[in-house]
Amino acid sequence: MNNYLIIATACIVVLLIIAILIKKETKTTTAETNIKIKLKTQVKPVFSSSFIQYWFAKSWEYDRWINELTMLQNIGISEIILQEIADTKDKYAVYPTKIAEYTYNDIDMVGTVLKAADSLGMKVRIGLGFNKRWWIMNAFSQRWLNFEAQINKTIVREIVEMYGSHSSFEGWYIPHEFYQLTAPTKTQQSYLNSFLKQITFEIKQNSTKDIMIAPFYKGKFSLLCSLSTWSKMVENILNGTGIDIVALQDSIGAGFNKMKLLDSLYSYTKKATDALGIKLYADTETFVVKSSKYIPASQDQISEQLSIESKYVQGFVAFSINHYQNRNIVGQEDNYNDYYNYYLANK
């Protein structure tokens, strides 16, 4: 009887040891798996998109666009973003609009870039109309916002009708950049929320393409609006709008923020976008301002920006390879080559 007891006890001990080992192995495997998933999902710190402003490219013919888009493809960029296609203050567009009293460019810039992108397998994200008075009016006048929303709804319908069949047409961009002073109160945030909903509803009614917006934060106003307040502000403004991507400007080049703020800025903004179920991208500035002049940033600085932001974002947009690291512009070839070498090492 004692022998049976000894054997039974020994078996129990062995089973307990095996269970402990299995549990430990499971924990180790789970931890290793989590690390692998994290490493696998962290975005590579390279650009996939680049902004271009219409004043720079409105006179380009088809072949010039082919050169520009090919340059971007060589460094892994698959999308170009037309920041805006109409000036709703001066009533001017870079496509043949039929909006009353509007003039338009001699060359159909929108049609030309889409045609070139079609042939290369590139993507084009189309920005809407913008009124320079935005920087004065901000979200303080609901009436003004409603008027601008109506114009942009008309632009959306025209773009879908004229260019919706292009395979390269991949998304929309709303060029109304907001920051802490745009809508500091809940009332103004509700005005801006309504403005965005009007535009995005029109887009969703006519298109299945995703929608991007690019807000920014000014560090010098942190006492007026802390990062936690900023996070809630972003959530209030974008709630229910249907916007798919927030491309947060890092504002390093403009001098609005210091490098040491980036980690916290993107972390707090991610809290808002996660709560809303919106993708967070980095709109990384590839320039610096010196003596009131905009010049290309060093690759070392750009690399540092990308490295910090990569912990929080799902993609990178450059502002702007086309304007500051452009192989096709005399004097910018070295800037382009610096990023090209960086891209090869990090893609």
Protein backbone atom coordinates (compact mmCIF):
# COMPACT_ATOMS: atom_id res chain seq x y z
CA MET A 1 0.00 0.00 0.00
CA ASN A 2 2.83 2.36 0.88
CA ASN A 3 4.53 1.58 -2.44
CA TYR A 4 1.38 2.58 -4.30
CA LEU A 5 1.22 5.80 -2.31
CA ILE A 6 4.84 6.61 -3.10
CA ILE A 7 4.29 5.94 -6.81
CA ALA A 8 1.10 8.03 -6.88
CA THR A 9 2.83 10.90 -5.12
CA ALA A 10 5.75 10.74 -7.52
CA CYS A 11 3.39 10.82 -10.48
CA ILE A 12 1.60 13.87 -9.12
CA VAL A 13 4.93 15.65 -8.60
CA VAL A 14 6.02 14.84 -12.15
CA LEU A 15 2.70 16.07 -13.56
CA LEU A 16 3.01 19.31 -11.59
CA ILE A 17 6.55 19.87 -12.89
CA ILE A 18 5.39 19.25 -16.47
CA ALA A 19 2.45 21.65 -16.03
CA ILE A 20 4.78 24.35 -14.70
CA LEU A 21 7.18 23.86 -17.59
CA ILE A 22 4.34 23.98 -20.13
CA LYS A 23 2.95 27.16 -18.56
CA LYS A 24 6.39 28.76 -18.59
CA GLU A 25 6.93 27.74 -22.20
CA THR A 26 3.51 29.12 -23.13
CA LYS A 27 4.30 32.44 -21.48
CA THR A 28 7.65 32.60 -23.23
CA THR A 29 6.09 31.70 -26.58
CA THR A 30 3.31 34.27 -26.12
CA ALA A 31 5.82 36.98 -25.21
CA GLU A 32 7.99 36.11 -28.19
CA THR A 33 4.93 36.11 -30.45
CA ASN A 34 3.85 39.53 -29.17
CA ILE A 35 7.32 40.91 -29.86
CA LYS A 36 7.29 39.45 -33.36
CA ILE A 37 3.83 40.88 -34.05
CA LYS A 38 4.95 44.29 -32.79
CA LEU A 39 8.08 44.20 -34.93
CA LYS A 40 6.08 43.00 -37.91
CA THR A 41 3.39 45.69 -37.65
CA GLN A 42 5.62 48.70 -36.91
CA VAL A 43 5.73 50.74 -40.08
CA LYS A 44 9.02 51.17 -41.88
CA PRO A 45 10.28 54.75 -41.52
CA VAL A 46 10.01 55.69 -45.19
CA PHE A 47 7.58 57.83 -47.18
CA SER A 48 4.70 56.36 -49.16
CA SER A 49 3.13 59.72 -50.14
CA SER A 50 4.18 63.27 -50.92
CA PHE A 51 2.26 66.54 -51.12
CA ILE A 52 2.49 68.85 -54.09
CA GLN A 53 1.03 72.38 -54.35
CA TYR A 54 -0.70 73.46 -57.53
CA TRP A 55 1.24 76.73 -58.00
CA PHE A 56 4.32 74.58 -58.52
CA ALA A 57 2.89 72.18 -61.08
CA LYS A 58 -0.13 73.78 -62.76
CA SER A 59 1.70 74.36 -66.07
CA TRP A 60 3.18 70.85 -66.37
CA GLU A 61 2.44 68.80 -69.46
CA TYR A 62 2.03 65.02 -69.46
CA ASP A 63 5.73 64.20 -69.94
CA ARG A 64 6.75 66.43 -67.04
CA TRP A 65 4.31 64.59 -64.78
CA ILE A 66 5.74 61.27 -65.95
CA ASN A 67 9.21 62.43 -64.87
CA GLU A 68 7.91 63.62 -61.50
CA LEU A 69 5.97 60.48 -60.69
CA THR A 70 8.81 58.22 -61.84
CA MET A 71 11.13 60.09 -59.49
CA LEU A 72 8.77 59.37 -56.61
CA GLN A 73 8.45 55.71 -57.55
CA ASN A 74 12.24 55.33 -57.46
CA ILE A 75 12.19 56.12 -53.73
CA GLY A 76 9.19 53.96 -52.87
CA ILE A 77 6.50 56.64 -53.00
CA SER A 78 3.30 55.33 -54.55
CA GLU A 79 0.95 58.29 -53.99
CA ILE A 80 1.01 61.99 -54.76
CA ILE A 81 -1.36 64.34 -52.94
CA LEU A 82 -2.68 67.41 -54.73
CA GLN A 83 -2.96 69.69 -51.71
CA GLU A 84 -5.80 71.70 -53.22
CA ILE A 85 -7.29 72.09 -56.69
CA ALA A 86 -9.29 75.30 -56.29
CA ASP A 87 -9.00 78.69 -54.61
CA THR A 88 -12.51 79.39 -53.36
CA LYS A 89 -11.64 82.97 -52.41
CA ASP A 90 -10.23 83.99 -55.80
CA LYS A 91 -12.64 81.64 -57.62
CA TYR A 92 -9.97 79.81 -59.55
CA ALA A 93 -9.44 76.12 -60.30
CA VAL A 94 -6.76 73.96 -61.92
CA TYR A 95 -9.34 71.86 -63.75
CA PRO A 96 -12.13 72.97 -66.15
CA THR A 97 -14.79 73.66 -63.54
CA LYS A 98 -18.30 74.76 -64.45
CA ILE A 99 -18.88 76.60 -61.18
CA ALA A 100 -20.34 80.02 -61.97
CA GLU A 101 -17.87 82.94 -61.99
CA TYR A 102 -14.84 80.64 -61.64
CA THR A 103 -11.86 80.83 -63.97
CA TYR A 104 -9.58 77.88 -64.55
CA ASN A 105 -6.10 76.96 -65.64
CA ASP A 106 -5.18 76.61 -69.33
CA ILE A 107 -3.94 73.08 -68.62
CA ASP A 108 -6.21 70.60 -66.88
CA MET A 109 -3.76 69.79 -64.09
CA VAL A 110 -6.03 67.23 -62.43
CA GLY A 111 -6.72 65.35 -65.64
CA THR A 112 -3.07 65.43 -66.71
CA VAL A 113 -1.64 64.04 -63.48
CA LEU A 114 -4.31 61.32 -63.31
CA LYS A 115 -3.55 60.27 -66.89
CA ALA A 116 0.19 60.09 -66.15
CA ALA A 117 -0.41 58.20 -62.90
CA ASP A 118 -2.70 55.73 -64.71
CA SER A 119 0.13 54.80 -67.05
CA LEU A 120 2.64 54.28 -64.21
CA GLY A 121 0.43 52.54 -61.68
CA MET A 122 0.71 55.47 -59.26
CA LYS A 123 -2.01 56.79 -56.94
CA VAL A 124 -3.39 60.32 -56.76
CA ARG A 125 -5.15 61.81 -53.73
CA ILE A 126 -7.15 64.87 -54.68
CA GLY A 127 -7.40 67.85 -52.36
CA LEU A 128 -10.52 70.00 -52.50
CA GLY A 129 -11.02 73.78 -52.59
CA PHE A 130 -9.48 76.12 -50.04
CA ASN A 131 -10.12 79.73 -49.04
CA LYS A 132 -7.16 81.65 -47.61
CA ARG A 133 -9.55 83.41 -45.23
CA TRP A 134 -9.63 80.14 -43.31
CA TRP A 135 -6.65 81.39 -41.31
CA ILE A 136 -8.70 84.43 -40.23
CA MET A 137 -12.17 82.93 -39.91
CA ASN A 138 -11.16 79.53 -38.54
CA ALA A 139 -14.24 77.95 -36.92
CA PHE A 140 -15.64 81.17 -35.45
CA SER A 141 -18.34 81.65 -38.09
CA GLN A 142 -20.69 78.77 -38.79
CA ARG A 143 -22.25 80.70 -41.66
CA TRP A 144 -18.88 81.11 -43.39
CA LEU A 145 -18.07 77.43 -42.88
CA ASN A 146 -21.41 76.38 -44.33
CA PHE A 147 -20.78 78.48 -47.45
CA GLU A 148 -17.35 76.91 -47.95
CA ALA A 149 -18.83 73.45 -47.40
CA GLN A 150 -21.38 74.04 -50.18
CA ILE A 151 -18.68 75.03 -52.66
CA ASN A 152 -16.62 71.97 -51.78
CA LYS A 153 -19.62 69.70 -52.17
CA THR A 154 -19.99 71.03 -55.72
CA ILE A 155 -16.28 70.39 -56.35
CA VAL A 156 -16.66 66.81 -55.10
CA ARG A 157 -19.49 66.13 -57.54
CA GLU A 158 -17.53 67.64 -60.44
CA ILE A 159 -14.41 65.62 -59.66
CA VAL A 160 -16.34 62.35 -59.48
CA GLU A 161 -18.16 63.09 -62.73
CA MET A 162 -15.04 64.19 -64.62
CA TYR A 163 -12.34 61.90 -63.20
CA GLY A 164 -14.01 59.09 -61.29
CA SER A 165 -13.12 56.47 -63.88
CA HIS A 166 -9.33 56.93 -63.53
CA SER A 167 -7.66 53.90 -61.96
CA SER A 168 -5.10 56.16 -60.24
CA PHE A 169 -7.75 58.19 -58.38
CA GLU A 170 -7.31 56.69 -54.91
CA GLY A 171 -8.51 59.15 -52.31
CA TRP A 172 -9.51 62.60 -51.08
CA TYR A 173 -7.79 65.27 -49.04
CA ILE A 174 -9.55 68.03 -47.09
CA PRO A 175 -7.07 70.96 -47.05
CA HIS A 176 -8.50 72.73 -44.00
CA GLU A 177 -5.72 72.26 -41.44
CA PHE A 178 -6.81 72.86 -37.87
CA TYR A 179 -4.74 73.49 -34.74
CA GLN A 180 -5.34 74.57 -31.13
CA LEU A 181 -6.63 78.07 -31.96
CA THR A 182 -8.87 77.00 -34.84
CA ALA A 183 -11.68 75.80 -32.59
CA PRO A 184 -10.74 76.24 -28.91
CA THR A 185 -14.29 75.98 -27.51
CA LYS A 186 -16.77 73.12 -27.74
CA THR A 187 -19.12 75.36 -29.73
CA GLN A 188 -16.48 76.07 -32.37
CA GLN A 189 -15.49 72.42 -32.40
CA SER A 190 -19.12 71.55 -33.14
CA TYR A 191 -19.11 74.08 -36.02
CA LEU A 192 -16.00 72.49 -37.50
CA ASN A 193 -17.40 69.01 -36.96
CA SER A 194 -20.53 70.00 -38.88
CA PHE A 195 -18.45 71.55 -41.67
CA LEU A 196 -16.43 68.36 -42.12
CA LYS A 197 -19.54 66.17 -41.96
CA GLN A 198 -21.14 68.12 -44.80
CA ILE A 199 -18.13 67.54 -47.05
CA THR A 200 -17.49 63.92 -46.08
CA PHE A 201 -21.18 63.03 -46.47
CA GLU A 202 -21.04 64.34 -50.04
CA ILE A 203 -17.88 62.33 -50.69
CA LYS A 204 -19.35 59.13 -49.24
CA GLN A 205 -22.51 59.60 -51.32
CA ASN A 206 -20.49 59.77 -54.53
CA SER A 207 -17.29 57.81 -53.89
CA THR A 208 -15.81 54.86 -52.04
CA LYS A 209 -12.35 56.46 -51.77
CA ASP A 210 -10.87 57.23 -48.35
CA ILE A 211 -10.48 60.72 -46.89
CA MET A 212 -7.46 62.36 -45.27
CA ILE A 213 -6.99 65.52 -43.21
CA ALA A 214 -3.76 67.02 -41.78
CA PRO A 215 -4.06 68.98 -38.52
CA PHE A 216 -1.09 70.37 -36.60
CA TYR A 217 -0.12 71.35 -33.06
CA LYS A 218 1.89 74.39 -31.97
CA GLY A 219 4.07 73.70 -28.97
CA LYS A 220 4.20 77.38 -27.96
CA PHE A 221 0.47 77.26 -27.26
CA SER A 222 0.77 74.28 -24.93
CA LEU A 223 -0.26 76.39 -21.90
CA LEU A 224 -3.49 77.29 -23.66
CA CYS A 225 -4.05 73.77 -24.91
CA SER A 226 -2.20 70.86 -23.32
CA LEU A 227 -1.63 67.62 -25.21
CA SER A 228 -4.44 65.90 -23.29
CA THR A 229 -6.77 68.77 -24.24
CA TRP A 230 -5.54 68.53 -27.83
CA SER A 231 -6.37 64.82 -27.87
CA LYS A 232 -9.93 65.54 -26.79
CA MET A 233 -10.17 68.42 -29.28
CA VAL A 234 -9.20 66.11 -32.16
CA GLU A 235 -11.77 63.59 -30.99
CA ASN A 236 -14.54 66.21 -30.76
CA ILE A 237 -13.81 67.71 -34.19
CA LEU A 238 -13.55 64.42 -36.08
CA ASN A 239 -16.19 62.38 -34.30
CA GLY A 240 -18.66 60.91 -36.78
CA THR A 241 -17.15 62.67 -39.79
CA GLY A 242 -16.15 59.51 -41.64
CA ILE A 243 -12.60 60.79 -42.14
CA ASP A 244 -10.32 57.78 -42.55
CA ILE A 245 -6.80 59.15 -42.08
CA VAL A 246 -5.34 61.84 -39.84
CA ALA A 247 -1.93 62.84 -41.21
CA LEU A 248 -0.60 64.80 -38.24
CA GLN A 249 1.93 67.45 -39.27
CA ASP A 250 5.02 67.20 -37.09
CA SER A 251 5.70 70.95 -37.66
CA ILE A 252 9.42 70.50 -37.06
CA GLY A 253 10.40 72.28 -40.26
CA ALA A 254 8.06 75.20 -39.64
CA GLY A 255 9.57 75.58 -36.18
CA PHE A 256 6.25 75.14 -34.36
CA ASN A 257 7.55 72.14 -32.41
CA LYS A 258 10.81 70.82 -30.99
CA MET A 259 12.01 67.30 -31.64
CA LYS A 260 11.62 66.39 -27.96
CA LEU A 261 7.85 67.01 -28.18
CA LEU A 262 7.18 64.57 -31.01
CA ASP A 263 6.93 61.41 -28.92
CA SER A 264 4.24 62.86 -26.64
CA LEU A 265 2.46 64.66 -29.49
CA TYR A 266 1.97 61.52 -31.55
CA SER A 267 1.17 59.44 -28.48
CA TYR A 268 -1.65 61.78 -27.40
CA THR A 269 -2.97 62.17 -30.94
CA LYS A 270 -3.02 58.39 -31.30
CA LYS A 271 -5.28 58.17 -28.25
CA ALA A 272 -7.82 60.26 -30.14
CA THR A 273 -7.53 58.43 -33.46
CA ASP A 274 -7.69 55.04 -31.72
CA ALA A 275 -10.85 56.11 -29.90
CA LEU A 276 -12.37 57.14 -33.24
CA GLY A 277 -11.11 54.14 -35.20
CA ILE A 278 -9.14 56.40 -37.56
CA LYS A 279 -5.70 55.69 -39.01
CA LEU A 280 -2.87 57.93 -37.84
CA TYR A 281 -0.17 58.92 -40.34
CA ALA A 282 2.75 61.30 -39.92
CA ASP A 283 2.91 64.34 -42.18
CA THR A 284 6.68 64.76 -41.88
CA GLU A 285 8.19 68.10 -42.87
CA THR A 286 11.28 67.80 -45.05
CA PHE A 287 12.16 71.50 -44.92
CA VAL A 288 13.37 74.08 -42.43
CA VAL A 289 12.76 77.82 -42.21
CA LYS A 290 15.87 79.99 -42.08
CA SER A 291 15.75 83.77 -42.39
CA SER A 292 12.12 83.48 -43.55
CA LYS A 293 13.20 81.16 -46.37
CA TYR A 294 12.01 77.57 -46.80
CA ILE A 295 14.95 75.30 -47.58
CA PRO A 296 15.51 71.51 -47.59
CA ALA A 297 16.12 69.90 -44.20
CA SER A 298 19.14 67.68 -43.68
CA GLN A 299 18.59 63.96 -44.06
CA ASP A 300 19.80 63.46 -40.48
CA GLN A 301 16.94 65.60 -39.21
CA ILE A 302 14.37 63.89 -41.43
CA SER A 303 15.64 60.50 -40.28
CA GLU A 304 15.20 61.47 -36.64
CA GLN A 305 11.65 62.67 -37.26
CA LEU A 306 10.72 59.43 -39.02
CA SER A 307 12.29 57.31 -36.30
CA ILE A 308 10.32 58.95 -33.48
CA GLU A 309 7.02 58.97 -35.37
CA SER A 310 7.27 55.36 -36.55
CA LYS A 311 6.27 54.10 -33.09
CA TYR A 312 2.80 55.57 -33.46
CA VAL A 313 1.79 55.80 -37.11
CA GLN A 314 0.67 53.54 -39.93
CA GLY A 315 2.23 55.55 -42.74
CA PHE A 316 4.33 58.56 -43.70
CA VAL A 317 3.49 61.52 -45.91
CA ALA A 318 6.25 63.94 -46.94
CA PHE A 319 5.87 67.67 -47.09
CA SER A 320 7.46 67.54 -49.43
CA ILE A 321 9.79 65.50 -51.60
CA ASN A 322 8.39 67.34 -54.63
CA HIS A 323 9.28 70.75 -53.21
CA TYR A 324 12.52 70.10 -51.31
CA GLN A 325 14.15 66.80 -52.36
CA ASN A 326 13.32 66.91 -56.04
CA ARG A 327 15.74 65.28 -58.45
CA ASN A 328 14.18 67.28 -61.29
CA ILE A 329 14.98 70.65 -59.73
CA VAL A 330 18.44 72.16 -60.16
CA GLY A 331 20.16 72.41 -56.79
CA GLN A 332 18.09 69.72 -55.10
CA GLU A 333 19.79 66.66 -56.59
CA ASP A 334 21.97 66.05 -53.50
CA ASN A 335 18.95 66.27 -51.21
CA TYR A 336 17.19 63.69 -53.35
CA ASN A 337 20.21 61.38 -53.36
CA ASP A 338 20.53 61.63 -49.58
CA TYR A 339 16.96 60.45 -49.14
CA TYR A 340 17.37 57.82 -51.87
CA ASN A 341 20.31 56.27 -50.00
CA TYR A 342 18.34 56.44 -46.74
CA TYR A 343 15.38 54.75 -48.45
CA LEU A 344 17.54 51.91 -49.77
CA ALA A 345 18.86 51.25 -46.25
CA ASN A 346 15.43 51.35 -44.56
CA LYS A 347 12.83 50.09 -47.00
